Amino acid sequence: MEEILEKSQASRYQRWLLPSLILLLLIAGAIYFLIDSSDSSDITRNADGSINLDLVQPKRLAEYRREGNFEATLQELKKIKSSPLKDVNEKALAIIGSTNVKFSMTGDTKTLLEEIDNMKKVSLDPAVDLRVRVEALGTLSAAFCRSGRDPLIFAELYKDEPFRSYLAPGDPDLSARHLAEWSYGQRPTSFAAIRITRWYSEQMLENTDPSSKTRAQYAAETKKYLQSADKLAESELSRTPALSQSIPYIAYRMWRAVAIGRLAAVEGEPYKSQYKDEFEGLFSFIDGLNNVGAREYEYLGRHFYADLLLRIDSDTPAAKEQLNILVRELRALPNPDVVTYVRFLRNENRSNPNGYLWRSVKNMMSASSDYKVTVEKFLATTPQ
């Protein structure tokens, strides 16, 4: 009888033990994911449980990206996308925050095309918060520029609706302005405003008739959207100081300096006394960041600064100094084929050799023999 009781108790113990172990494992797993979730994101929740979004990317992914640890960035992206505990907005922000990473690793343009498709889905998904959709749309508006002005990217961006309705045929810059206006119209951001500023300042600069009413209109729109970008940037940073480390803010700083320089070239003072400080401040700001992606904006910034020094002050020695700094940076690149500025040189030379951007490159090649040699070297080694 005692033997029967012992076997019965052992059987009940075994039946209880297995479910208990499973329950403990589930609890431990949930705790792990909750801890990991709170550690890898800067996103907080409001009192009602809704996501408080100030467009700060998931923390760990952003750190890996800034460090240039692209493999870890992609691993973190995969982890966030597959986690049932991650909000749809967090997943969308992770997609936005990892753009161009695969390309930086592989140089395969197909990865950029895939990212555009993913970004379009985010920008049109009604389940995603408007602020995140606008962030995705802003990223799309800059995709052509960030690709180094690749015609394949231009075609991909506007191949389907509703994006096709924003296409200006044969004009990627005006098309990008249209996308930025779409973004700005849904929810104004400093990034969208500065992208619009960029287009108007460009047209203002290239309209060489000083008495032209159109040129005056471009100047007025440049100042209007520049002022809007400044106010929005101040508001965004006061709400979320960490945005000062983000690519959209770095891009705002660079295009702001360019706009001030272009206004100086067209209108003179007070902008002529400001533009050099704007560029020097930009480079100091970038030097203080631990962000490998920021260097892309240093290269572009030095290009535009040299161009403006020649246009505004005819200061060839100062322009040459900027170009020589740029040359040193470019020659030290471990893989120039994936760098936006190098791709820009190749694409403009091949696709738009008579355009204003390539004309400025040729002008700067005349100012610096080292720059000329470096550009020619990149053109001679264009990957197939």
Protein backbone atom coordinates (compact mmCIF):
# COMPACT_ATOMS: atom_id res chain seq x y z
CA MET A 1 0.00 0.00 0.00
CA GLU A 2 2.81 2.42 0.91
CA GLU A 3 4.53 1.65 -2.40
CA ILE A 4 1.34 2.51 -4.30
CA LEU A 5 1.03 5.84 -2.40
CA GLU A 6 4.66 6.74 -3.11
CA LYS A 7 4.19 6.08 -6.82
CA SER A 8 1.00 8.17 -6.84
CA GLN A 9 2.74 11.10 -5.12
CA ALA A 10 5.70 10.87 -7.50
CA SER A 11 3.34 10.86 -10.46
CA ARG A 12 1.52 13.97 -9.14
CA TYR A 13 4.88 15.68 -8.51
CA GLN A 14 6.07 14.96 -12.05
CA ARG A 15 2.78 16.23 -13.52
CA TRP A 16 3.19 19.45 -11.50
CA LEU A 17 6.91 19.88 -12.14
CA LEU A 18 6.87 20.09 -15.94
CA PRO A 19 4.17 22.82 -16.26
CA SER A 20 5.88 24.76 -13.46
CA LEU A 21 9.22 24.66 -15.25
CA ILE A 22 7.57 25.81 -18.47
CA LEU A 23 5.84 28.66 -16.61
CA LEU A 24 9.11 29.75 -15.00
CA LEU A 25 10.86 29.73 -18.37
CA LEU A 26 8.09 31.85 -19.89
CA ILE A 27 8.30 34.34 -17.03
CA ALA A 28 12.08 34.51 -17.30
CA GLY A 29 11.83 35.05 -21.04
CA ALA A 30 9.29 37.81 -20.62
CA ILE A 31 11.47 39.54 -18.03
CA TYR A 32 14.47 39.27 -20.35
CA PHE A 33 12.61 40.79 -23.27
CA LEU A 34 11.14 43.56 -21.11
CA ILE A 35 14.57 44.44 -19.76
CA ASP A 36 16.06 44.28 -23.23
CA SER A 37 13.24 46.38 -24.63
CA SER A 38 13.65 49.12 -22.07
CA ASP A 39 17.42 49.12 -22.58
CA SER A 40 17.35 49.39 -26.36
CA SER A 41 14.87 52.21 -26.83
CA ASP A 42 14.51 55.85 -25.90
CA ILE A 43 10.79 55.70 -26.59
CA THR A 44 8.63 56.37 -23.53
CA ARG A 45 4.90 56.08 -22.96
CA ASN A 46 2.33 58.64 -21.93
CA ALA A 47 0.03 58.18 -18.95
CA ASP A 48 -2.60 56.58 -21.20
CA GLY A 49 -0.08 54.01 -22.43
CA SER A 50 0.34 55.54 -25.89
CA ILE A 51 3.79 55.95 -27.40
CA ASN A 52 5.49 59.27 -26.73
CA LEU A 53 7.36 59.80 -29.95
CA ASP A 54 9.92 62.52 -30.44
CA LEU A 55 11.63 60.71 -33.30
CA VAL A 56 14.53 59.35 -31.34
CA GLN A 57 15.63 56.10 -32.92
CA PRO A 58 15.85 52.91 -30.82
CA LYS A 59 18.83 53.59 -28.58
CA ARG A 60 21.05 50.58 -29.18
CA LEU A 61 20.51 50.57 -32.94
CA ALA A 62 21.37 54.28 -33.11
CA GLU A 63 24.53 53.74 -31.07
CA TYR A 64 25.71 50.92 -33.33
CA ARG A 65 24.99 53.05 -36.39
CA ARG A 66 26.90 56.06 -35.07
CA GLU A 67 29.88 53.85 -34.22
CA GLY A 68 29.91 52.38 -37.73
CA ASN A 69 29.15 48.90 -36.39
CA PHE A 70 26.87 48.04 -39.28
CA GLU A 71 26.61 44.30 -38.64
CA ALA A 72 25.38 44.95 -35.12
CA THR A 73 22.97 47.59 -36.48
CA LEU A 74 21.37 45.06 -38.80
CA GLN A 75 21.21 42.44 -36.05
CA GLU A 76 19.44 44.93 -33.82
CA LEU A 77 17.05 45.82 -36.64
CA LYS A 78 16.19 42.14 -37.14
CA LYS A 79 15.68 41.71 -33.40
CA ILE A 80 13.35 44.70 -33.14
CA LYS A 81 11.31 43.72 -36.19
CA SER A 82 10.80 40.16 -34.91
CA SER A 83 9.95 41.07 -31.32
CA PRO A 84 6.25 40.76 -30.38
CA LEU A 85 6.89 43.28 -27.60
CA LYS A 86 7.90 46.09 -29.94
CA ASP A 87 5.34 48.67 -30.99
CA VAL A 88 4.70 49.22 -34.71
CA ASN A 89 6.20 52.69 -34.33
CA GLU A 90 9.40 51.37 -32.80
CA LYS A 91 9.75 48.92 -35.67
CA ALA A 92 9.18 51.72 -38.17
CA LEU A 93 11.78 53.93 -36.47
CA ALA A 94 14.26 51.07 -36.58
CA ILE A 95 13.69 50.72 -40.34
CA ILE A 96 14.25 54.46 -40.80
CA GLY A 97 17.29 54.45 -38.54
CA SER A 98 19.04 51.70 -40.47
CA THR A 99 18.77 53.14 -43.98
CA ASN A 100 21.90 52.86 -46.15
CA VAL A 101 23.54 50.48 -43.67
CA LYS A 102 23.40 47.44 -45.96
CA PHE A 103 24.74 49.53 -48.81
CA SER A 104 27.62 50.76 -46.65
CA MET A 105 28.56 47.12 -46.08
CA THR A 106 28.01 45.70 -49.56
CA GLY A 107 27.92 48.54 -52.11
CA ASP A 108 24.92 46.78 -53.67
CA THR A 109 22.42 49.32 -55.05
CA LYS A 110 19.66 46.71 -54.77
CA THR A 111 19.71 47.22 -51.00
CA LEU A 112 18.88 50.91 -51.50
CA LEU A 113 15.96 49.99 -53.74
CA GLU A 114 14.66 47.58 -51.10
CA GLU A 115 14.94 50.25 -48.41
CA ILE A 116 12.95 52.70 -50.52
CA ASP A 117 10.17 50.13 -50.80
CA ASN A 118 10.21 49.57 -47.03
CA MET A 119 10.22 53.32 -46.38
CA LYS A 120 7.25 53.83 -48.66
CA LYS A 121 5.30 51.21 -46.73
CA VAL A 122 6.07 52.98 -43.45
CA SER A 123 5.12 56.40 -44.83
CA LEU A 124 1.72 55.10 -46.00
CA ASP A 125 0.83 52.81 -43.09
CA PRO A 126 -2.14 54.28 -41.16
CA ALA A 127 -1.22 52.17 -38.12
CA VAL A 128 2.04 54.12 -37.79
CA ASP A 129 2.01 57.42 -35.90
CA LEU A 130 1.93 60.50 -38.15
CA ARG A 131 5.24 61.76 -36.77
CA VAL A 132 6.94 58.53 -37.82
CA ARG A 133 5.30 58.52 -41.25
CA VAL A 134 6.54 62.07 -41.76
CA GLU A 135 10.04 61.00 -40.73
CA ALA A 136 9.92 58.22 -43.33
CA LEU A 137 8.68 60.63 -45.99
CA GLY A 138 11.47 63.07 -45.16
CA THR A 139 14.00 60.28 -45.52
CA LEU A 140 12.54 59.44 -48.93
CA SER A 141 12.79 63.08 -50.02
CA ALA A 142 16.54 62.92 -49.37
CA ALA A 143 17.11 59.43 -50.77
CA PHE A 144 18.26 60.66 -54.19
CA CYS A 145 20.85 63.00 -52.67
CA ARG A 146 22.05 60.42 -50.15
CA SER A 147 22.53 57.90 -52.95
CA GLY A 148 24.98 60.29 -54.62
CA ARG A 149 22.30 61.36 -57.12
CA ASP A 150 21.88 57.88 -58.58
CA PRO A 151 19.38 57.82 -61.51
CA LEU A 152 18.22 54.35 -60.45
CA ILE A 153 17.12 55.74 -57.11
CA PHE A 154 15.28 58.59 -58.80
CA ALA A 155 13.35 56.12 -60.96
CA GLU A 156 12.52 53.90 -57.99
CA LEU A 157 11.23 56.75 -55.84
CA TYR A 158 8.53 57.86 -58.26
CA LYS A 159 7.62 54.67 -60.08
CA ASP A 160 4.27 54.15 -58.34
CA GLU A 161 1.42 56.08 -56.74
CA PRO A 162 1.01 58.16 -54.71
CA PHE A 163 4.68 59.07 -55.18
CA ARG A 164 4.37 59.36 -58.95
CA SER A 165 2.06 62.33 -58.52
CA TYR A 166 4.97 64.27 -56.96
CA LEU A 167 7.31 63.58 -59.86
CA ALA A 168 8.68 66.45 -61.92
CA PRO A 169 9.80 64.49 -65.02
CA GLY A 170 13.51 64.77 -65.61
CA ASP A 171 14.01 66.97 -62.54
CA PRO A 172 15.05 65.02 -59.42
CA ASP A 173 15.63 68.18 -57.37
CA LEU A 174 12.15 69.61 -57.95
CA SER A 175 10.68 66.16 -57.35
CA ALA A 176 12.49 66.02 -54.01
CA ARG A 177 11.10 69.44 -53.12
CA HIS A 178 7.61 68.13 -53.87
CA LEU A 179 8.14 65.19 -51.49
CA ALA A 180 9.48 67.54 -48.82
CA GLU A 181 6.41 69.76 -49.25
CA TRP A 182 4.17 66.72 -48.88
CA SER A 183 5.95 65.89 -45.63
CA TYR A 184 5.89 69.51 -44.44
CA GLY A 185 2.18 69.78 -45.20
CA GLN A 186 1.36 66.78 -43.02
CA ARG A 187 3.51 67.86 -40.09
CA PRO A 188 6.21 70.56 -40.37
CA THR A 189 9.72 69.51 -39.39
CA SER A 190 13.07 71.29 -39.61
CA PHE A 191 14.29 68.62 -42.00
CA ALA A 192 11.43 69.08 -44.45
CA ALA A 193 11.76 72.88 -44.20
CA ILE A 194 15.49 72.84 -44.91
CA ARG A 195 14.99 70.46 -47.86
CA ILE A 196 12.56 73.01 -49.35
CA THR A 197 15.02 75.81 -48.53
CA ARG A 198 17.72 73.93 -50.40
CA TRP A 199 15.73 73.92 -53.64
CA TYR A 200 14.80 77.60 -53.55
CA SER A 201 18.34 78.67 -52.66
CA GLU A 202 19.68 76.60 -55.54
CA GLN A 203 17.32 78.21 -58.04
CA MET A 204 18.10 81.64 -56.63
CA LEU A 205 21.82 81.07 -57.10
CA GLU A 206 21.54 79.74 -60.63
CA ASN A 207 19.22 82.52 -61.79
CA THR A 208 21.97 84.90 -62.84
CA ASP A 209 19.79 87.90 -63.75
CA PRO A 210 19.99 90.22 -60.71
CA SER A 211 16.92 92.18 -61.85
CA SER A 212 14.78 89.07 -62.30
CA LYS A 213 11.51 89.00 -60.36
CA THR A 214 11.80 85.23 -60.26
CA ARG A 215 15.16 85.46 -58.56
CA ALA A 216 13.70 87.79 -55.94
CA GLN A 217 10.84 85.34 -55.37
CA TYR A 218 13.32 82.49 -54.92
CA ALA A 219 15.25 84.59 -52.41
CA ALA A 220 12.07 85.36 -50.47
CA GLU A 221 11.09 81.68 -50.34
CA THR A 222 14.62 80.73 -49.29
CA LYS A 223 14.45 83.11 -46.32
CA LYS A 224 10.90 82.05 -45.46
CA TYR A 225 11.66 78.35 -45.22
CA LEU A 226 15.05 78.93 -43.61
CA GLN A 227 13.34 80.87 -40.83
CA SER A 228 10.78 78.07 -40.48
CA ALA A 229 13.54 75.43 -40.31
CA ASP A 230 15.35 77.39 -37.61
CA LYS A 231 12.24 77.73 -35.44
CA LEU A 232 11.32 74.08 -35.88
CA ALA A 233 14.86 72.91 -35.09
CA GLU A 234 14.87 74.95 -31.90
CA SER A 235 11.52 73.49 -30.86
CA GLU A 236 12.56 69.92 -31.70
CA LEU A 237 15.81 70.17 -29.75
CA SER A 238 14.15 71.73 -26.71
CA ARG A 239 11.78 68.78 -26.62
CA THR A 240 14.37 66.10 -27.42
CA PRO A 241 18.02 67.21 -27.01
CA ALA A 242 19.29 63.83 -28.28
CA LEU A 243 18.12 64.80 -31.76
CA SER A 244 21.29 66.89 -32.05
CA GLN A 245 23.07 63.59 -32.74
CA SER A 246 20.69 62.59 -35.53
CA ILE A 247 21.33 62.64 -39.26
CA PRO A 248 18.31 64.88 -39.98
CA TYR A 249 19.69 67.52 -37.61
CA ILE A 250 23.20 67.25 -39.06
CA ALA A 251 21.70 67.63 -42.54
CA TYR A 252 19.76 70.69 -41.33
CA ARG A 253 22.99 72.26 -40.09
CA MET A 254 24.78 71.66 -43.38
CA TRP A 255 21.99 72.89 -45.65
CA ARG A 256 21.51 75.89 -43.39
CA ALA A 257 25.14 76.88 -43.94
CA VAL A 258 24.72 76.37 -47.68
CA ALA A 259 21.57 78.53 -47.76
CA ILE A 260 23.30 81.33 -45.84
CA GLY A 261 26.20 81.13 -48.30
CA ARG A 262 23.92 81.26 -51.31
CA LEU A 263 22.08 84.27 -49.88
CA ALA A 264 25.48 85.89 -49.39
CA ALA A 265 26.34 85.25 -53.04
CA VAL A 266 23.07 86.80 -54.22
CA GLU A 267 22.27 89.51 -51.68
CA GLY A 268 25.57 90.24 -49.95
CA GLU A 269 25.15 91.52 -46.41
CA PRO A 270 24.23 90.57 -43.76
CA TYR A 271 24.79 87.05 -45.06
CA LYS A 272 28.27 87.70 -46.40
CA SER A 273 29.48 88.34 -42.85
CA GLN A 274 27.82 85.16 -41.62
CA TYR A 275 28.46 82.35 -44.07
CA LYS A 276 32.05 81.54 -43.12
CA ASP A 277 31.14 81.25 -39.45
CA GLU A 278 28.23 78.98 -40.39
CA PHE A 279 30.52 76.56 -42.21
CA GLU A 280 33.28 76.66 -39.60
CA GLY A 281 30.66 76.06 -36.92
CA LEU A 282 29.32 73.12 -38.91
CA PHE A 283 32.74 71.47 -39.14
CA SER A 284 33.42 72.01 -35.43
CA PHE A 285 30.02 70.53 -34.62
CA ILE A 286 30.69 67.45 -36.75
CA ASP A 287 34.16 67.01 -35.23
CA GLY A 288 32.52 66.88 -31.79
CA LEU A 289 30.19 64.05 -32.76
CA ASN A 290 30.88 60.35 -32.41
CA ASN A 291 28.97 59.60 -35.60
CA VAL A 292 30.59 58.10 -38.70
CA GLY A 293 27.56 59.12 -40.78
CA ALA A 294 28.19 62.78 -40.02
CA ARG A 295 31.36 62.68 -42.11
CA GLU A 296 29.25 62.44 -45.26
CA TYR A 297 27.99 65.93 -44.46
CA GLU A 298 31.48 67.21 -43.80
CA TYR A 299 32.55 66.17 -47.31
CA LEU A 300 29.54 67.84 -48.90
CA GLY A 301 29.94 70.86 -46.63
CA ARG A 302 33.55 71.43 -47.65
CA HIS A 303 32.56 71.07 -51.30
CA PHE A 304 29.89 73.76 -51.01
CA TYR A 305 32.08 75.97 -48.83
CA ALA A 306 34.89 75.93 -51.41
CA ASP A 307 32.42 76.68 -54.19
CA LEU A 308 31.00 79.66 -52.26
CA LEU A 309 34.43 81.02 -51.36
CA LEU A 310 35.16 81.18 -55.07
CA ARG A 311 31.78 82.66 -55.97
CA ILE A 312 31.50 85.26 -53.21
CA ASP A 313 35.04 86.34 -52.47
CA SER A 314 37.04 84.94 -55.39
CA ASP A 315 39.24 83.57 -52.61
CA THR A 316 41.16 80.82 -54.37
CA PRO A 317 43.66 80.19 -51.50
CA ALA A 318 40.84 79.72 -48.97
CA ALA A 319 38.89 77.48 -51.37
CA LYS A 320 42.02 75.46 -52.04
CA GLU A 321 42.51 74.98 -48.30
CA GLN A 322 39.00 73.52 -47.97
CA LEU A 323 39.50 71.30 -50.99
CA ASN A 324 42.83 70.02 -49.69
CA ILE A 325 41.18 69.08 -46.38
CA LEU A 326 38.48 67.30 -48.37
CA VAL A 327 41.12 65.50 -50.44
CA ARG A 328 42.90 64.21 -47.32
CA GLU A 329 39.62 62.86 -45.99
CA LEU A 330 38.67 61.22 -49.28
CA ARG A 331 42.07 59.61 -49.82
CA ALA A 332 41.85 58.00 -46.38
CA LEU A 333 38.51 56.31 -47.12
CA PRO A 334 38.71 52.51 -46.81
CA ASN A 335 35.86 52.00 -49.31
CA PRO A 336 35.14 55.15 -51.34
CA ASP A 337 32.66 53.32 -53.59
CA VAL A 338 29.95 53.48 -50.88
CA VAL A 339 30.52 57.15 -49.93
CA THR A 340 27.84 59.62 -51.03
CA TYR A 341 30.29 62.29 -52.19
CA VAL A 342 32.29 59.92 -54.37
CA ARG A 343 29.10 58.53 -55.89
CA PHE A 344 27.91 62.09 -56.46
CA LEU A 345 31.06 62.87 -58.46
CA ARG A 346 30.66 59.78 -60.61
CA ASN A 347 26.92 60.12 -61.20
CA GLU A 348 27.02 63.82 -62.06
CA ASN A 349 29.94 63.34 -64.44
CA ARG A 350 28.16 60.48 -66.17
CA SER A 351 24.52 61.64 -66.08
CA ASN A 352 24.62 65.43 -65.95
CA PRO A 353 28.01 66.73 -67.16
CA ASN A 354 26.52 70.06 -68.27
CA GLY A 355 24.65 70.70 -65.03
CA TYR A 356 25.49 73.40 -62.50
CA LEU A 357 26.83 70.88 -59.97
CA TRP A 358 29.41 69.48 -62.36
CA ARG A 359 30.33 72.98 -63.50
CA SER A 360 31.16 73.82 -59.89
CA VAL A 361 33.30 70.66 -59.63
CA LYS A 362 35.26 71.69 -62.72
CA ASN A 363 35.72 75.18 -61.31
CA MET A 364 37.12 73.72 -58.10
CA MET A 365 39.37 71.36 -60.03
CA SER A 366 40.95 74.49 -61.50
CA ALA A 367 41.50 75.88 -58.00
CA SER A 368 43.21 72.78 -56.56
CA SER A 369 45.42 70.40 -58.51
CA ASP A 370 45.22 67.83 -55.68
CA TYR A 371 41.43 67.93 -55.85
CA LYS A 372 41.59 67.53 -59.63
CA VAL A 373 43.84 64.47 -59.37
CA THR A 374 41.62 62.92 -56.71
CA VAL A 375 38.41 63.46 -58.67
CA GLU A 376 39.96 62.06 -61.85
CA LYS A 377 41.13 59.01 -59.93
CA PHE A 378 37.61 58.33 -58.65
CA LEU A 379 36.16 58.76 -62.14
CA ALA A 380 38.70 56.37 -63.59
CA THR A 381 37.81 53.63 -61.10
CA THR A 382 34.02 53.76 -61.37
CA PRO A 383 32.66 50.33 -60.38
CA GLN A 384 30.52 48.54 -62.94
